[in-house]
Amino acid sequence: MAEVGRIDFDDPTPIDDEEDEETLAAIDEGIRDAEAGRTVPIEEVRRLLPKSTSSAISNPCATRKLSQTT
């Protein structure tokens, strides 16, 4: 298995030409949310994830609507 290197947030990776402005803005928003403490504990994510995936499988229209709003 390849060795995983440390991430240096002070020396960012150059922006890929394929990354559009909307994607970069969403990433920045997520970073700001995390820095402001607007996060969900991993235990809560684990509790909610199976419910989310099972409801998406049983209701494909809900999945389509969700992807259109994000």
N, C-alpha and C. Protein backbone atom coordinates (compact mmCIF):
# COMPACT_ATOMS: atom_id res chain seq x y z
N MET A 1 0.85 -1.18 0.00
CA MET A 1 0.00 0.00 0.00
C MET A 1 0.89 1.24 0.00
N ALA A 2 0.48 2.24 -0.74
CA ALA A 2 1.27 3.47 -0.83
C ALA A 2 1.21 4.24 0.49
N GLU A 3 2.29 4.92 0.79
CA GLU A 3 2.35 5.72 2.01
C GLU A 3 1.55 7.00 1.81
N VAL A 4 0.78 7.35 2.80
CA VAL A 4 -0.04 8.57 2.74
C VAL A 4 0.77 9.72 3.33
N GLY A 5 0.87 10.79 2.58
CA GLY A 5 1.60 11.96 3.06
C GLY A 5 0.72 12.87 3.88
N ARG A 6 1.34 13.77 4.59
CA ARG A 6 0.59 14.75 5.38
C ARG A 6 0.05 15.83 4.46
N ILE A 7 -1.07 16.37 4.82
CA ILE A 7 -1.67 17.47 4.06
C ILE A 7 -1.19 18.78 4.67
N ASP A 8 -0.64 19.63 3.83
CA ASP A 8 -0.16 20.93 4.30
C ASP A 8 -1.14 22.00 3.81
N PHE A 9 -2.02 22.44 4.69
CA PHE A 9 -3.04 23.40 4.31
C PHE A 9 -2.46 24.80 4.08
N ASP A 10 -1.25 25.04 4.56
CA ASP A 10 -0.62 26.34 4.35
C ASP A 10 0.04 26.45 2.98
N ASP A 11 0.21 25.30 2.32
CA ASP A 11 0.81 25.26 0.99
C ASP A 11 -0.16 24.51 0.07
N PRO A 12 -1.23 25.19 -0.39
CA PRO A 12 -2.28 24.50 -1.14
C PRO A 12 -1.81 23.96 -2.48
N THR A 13 -2.46 22.92 -2.91
CA THR A 13 -2.21 22.32 -4.21
C THR A 13 -2.72 23.28 -5.28
N PRO A 14 -2.02 23.38 -6.40
CA PRO A 14 -2.52 24.25 -7.48
C PRO A 14 -3.91 23.81 -7.93
N ILE A 15 -4.72 24.76 -8.34
CA ILE A 15 -6.08 24.47 -8.78
C ILE A 15 -6.04 23.73 -10.11
N ASP A 16 -6.77 22.64 -10.17
CA ASP A 16 -6.89 21.86 -11.39
C ASP A 16 -7.73 22.64 -12.39
N ASP A 17 -7.36 22.61 -13.64
CA ASP A 17 -8.12 23.32 -14.67
C ASP A 17 -9.56 22.84 -14.76
N GLU A 18 -9.82 21.61 -14.30
CA GLU A 18 -11.16 21.05 -14.38
C GLU A 18 -12.06 21.51 -13.23
N GLU A 19 -11.50 22.12 -12.20
CA GLU A 19 -12.30 22.60 -11.08
C GLU A 19 -12.96 23.91 -11.47
N ASP A 20 -14.28 23.93 -11.45
CA ASP A 20 -14.97 25.16 -11.82
C ASP A 20 -15.16 26.04 -10.59
N GLU A 21 -15.55 27.26 -10.82
CA GLU A 21 -15.70 28.24 -9.74
C GLU A 21 -16.76 27.81 -8.73
N GLU A 22 -17.83 27.18 -9.20
CA GLU A 22 -18.90 26.74 -8.30
C GLU A 22 -18.38 25.67 -7.33
N THR A 23 -17.59 24.74 -7.83
CA THR A 23 -17.01 23.70 -6.98
C THR A 23 -16.07 24.31 -5.96
N LEU A 24 -15.22 25.21 -6.41
CA LEU A 24 -14.28 25.86 -5.49
C LEU A 24 -15.01 26.68 -4.43
N ALA A 25 -16.09 27.35 -4.82
CA ALA A 25 -16.88 28.13 -3.85
C ALA A 25 -17.52 27.20 -2.81
N ALA A 26 -18.00 26.04 -3.25
CA ALA A 26 -18.61 25.07 -2.32
C ALA A 26 -17.57 24.53 -1.34
N ILE A 27 -16.37 24.29 -1.82
CA ILE A 27 -15.30 23.82 -0.95
C ILE A 27 -14.96 24.90 0.08
N ASP A 28 -14.83 26.13 -0.37
CA ASP A 28 -14.55 27.24 0.55
C ASP A 28 -15.64 27.39 1.59
N GLU A 29 -16.89 27.25 1.17
CA GLU A 29 -18.01 27.35 2.11
C GLU A 29 -17.93 26.24 3.17
N GLY A 30 -17.59 25.04 2.73
CA GLY A 30 -17.46 23.93 3.67
C GLY A 30 -16.34 24.16 4.67
N ILE A 31 -15.24 24.71 4.21
CA ILE A 31 -14.13 25.02 5.11
C ILE A 31 -14.54 26.08 6.13
N ARG A 32 -15.23 27.11 5.66
CA ARG A 32 -15.71 28.15 6.58
C ARG A 32 -16.69 27.58 7.61
N ASP A 33 -17.59 26.71 7.16
CA ASP A 33 -18.53 26.08 8.08
C ASP A 33 -17.79 25.26 9.14
N ALA A 34 -16.81 24.50 8.72
CA ALA A 34 -16.05 23.67 9.67
C ALA A 34 -15.30 24.55 10.67
N GLU A 35 -14.68 25.62 10.18
CA GLU A 35 -13.95 26.52 11.07
C GLU A 35 -14.88 27.22 12.06
N ALA A 36 -16.15 27.43 11.66
CA ALA A 36 -17.12 28.08 12.53
C ALA A 36 -17.81 27.08 13.46
N GLY A 37 -17.44 25.82 13.34
CA GLY A 37 -18.03 24.81 14.21
C GLY A 37 -19.34 24.25 13.72
N ARG A 38 -19.73 24.58 12.50
CA ARG A 38 -20.97 24.04 11.95
C ARG A 38 -20.69 22.69 11.31
N THR A 39 -20.55 21.68 12.17
CA THR A 39 -20.25 20.34 11.73
C THR A 39 -21.21 19.36 12.39
N VAL A 40 -21.17 18.12 11.92
CA VAL A 40 -21.97 17.05 12.49
C VAL A 40 -21.00 16.01 13.02
N PRO A 41 -21.14 15.62 14.29
CA PRO A 41 -20.23 14.60 14.84
C PRO A 41 -20.33 13.30 14.05
N ILE A 42 -19.22 12.58 13.94
CA ILE A 42 -19.17 11.36 13.15
C ILE A 42 -20.19 10.33 13.64
N GLU A 43 -20.45 10.30 14.93
CA GLU A 43 -21.43 9.36 15.46
C GLU A 43 -22.81 9.63 14.87
N GLU A 44 -23.15 10.92 14.74
CA GLU A 44 -24.43 11.31 14.16
C GLU A 44 -24.47 10.97 12.67
N VAL A 45 -23.39 11.18 11.97
CA VAL A 45 -23.33 10.83 10.55
C VAL A 45 -23.54 9.35 10.37
N ARG A 46 -22.86 8.55 11.18
CA ARG A 46 -23.01 7.09 11.09
C ARG A 46 -24.44 6.66 11.38
N ARG A 47 -25.09 7.35 12.31
CA ARG A 47 -26.46 7.01 12.66
C ARG A 47 -27.42 7.37 11.51
N LEU A 48 -27.19 8.51 10.87
CA LEU A 48 -28.07 8.99 9.83
C LEU A 48 -27.82 8.37 8.46
N LEU A 49 -26.59 8.02 8.17
CA LEU A 49 -26.23 7.55 6.83
C LEU A 49 -27.03 6.35 6.36
N PRO A 50 -27.17 5.29 7.14
CA PRO A 50 -27.96 4.16 6.64
C PRO A 50 -29.40 4.54 6.32
N LYS A 51 -29.99 5.43 7.11
CA LYS A 51 -31.36 5.88 6.84
C LYS A 51 -31.40 6.66 5.53
N SER A 52 -30.42 7.49 5.30
CA SER A 52 -30.38 8.32 4.11
C SER A 52 -30.24 7.45 2.86
N THR A 53 -29.33 6.49 2.89
CA THR A 53 -29.12 5.66 1.71
C THR A 53 -30.29 4.73 1.45
N SER A 54 -30.90 4.20 2.51
CA SER A 54 -32.03 3.30 2.28
C SER A 54 -33.24 4.07 1.76
N SER A 55 -33.47 5.29 2.23
CA SER A 55 -34.60 6.07 1.71
C SER A 55 -34.32 6.51 0.28
N ALA A 56 -33.08 6.77 -0.06
CA ALA A 56 -32.75 7.16 -1.43
C ALA A 56 -32.96 5.99 -2.38
N ILE A 57 -32.66 4.80 -1.93
CA ILE A 57 -32.86 3.63 -2.78
C ILE A 57 -34.34 3.38 -2.99
N SER A 58 -35.13 3.55 -1.94
CA SER A 58 -36.56 3.30 -2.07
C SER A 58 -37.29 4.45 -2.75
N ASN A 59 -36.68 5.63 -2.82
CA ASN A 59 -37.32 6.79 -3.43
C ASN A 59 -36.32 7.51 -4.33
N PRO A 60 -36.10 6.99 -5.56
CA PRO A 60 -35.10 7.61 -6.43
C PRO A 60 -35.40 9.06 -6.79
N CYS A 61 -36.66 9.46 -6.77
CA CYS A 61 -37.01 10.86 -7.06
C CYS A 61 -36.43 11.80 -6.00
N ALA A 62 -36.42 11.36 -4.74
CA ALA A 62 -35.85 12.18 -3.67
C ALA A 62 -34.37 12.38 -3.90
N THR A 63 -33.69 11.34 -4.36
CA THR A 63 -32.26 11.46 -4.64
C THR A 63 -32.02 12.46 -5.76
N ARG A 64 -32.84 12.41 -6.78
CA ARG A 64 -32.70 13.34 -7.89
C ARG A 64 -32.92 14.78 -7.42
N LYS A 65 -33.94 15.01 -6.58
CA LYS A 65 -34.21 16.35 -6.07
C LYS A 65 -33.07 16.85 -5.21
N LEU A 66 -32.51 15.96 -4.37
CA LEU A 66 -31.41 16.34 -3.50
C LEU A 66 -30.21 16.75 -4.32
N SER A 67 -29.86 16.00 -5.35
CA SER A 67 -28.68 16.34 -6.14
C SER A 67 -28.88 17.63 -6.93
N GLN A 68 -30.11 18.00 -7.23
CA GLN A 68 -30.36 19.22 -7.96
C GLN A 68 -30.26 20.46 -7.06
N THR A 69 -30.43 20.26 -5.73
CA THR A 69 -30.37 21.42 -4.83
C THR A 69 -28.99 21.66 -4.29
N THR A 70 -28.09 20.71 -4.45
CA THR A 70 -26.74 20.88 -3.90
C THR A 70 -25.76 21.31 -4.95
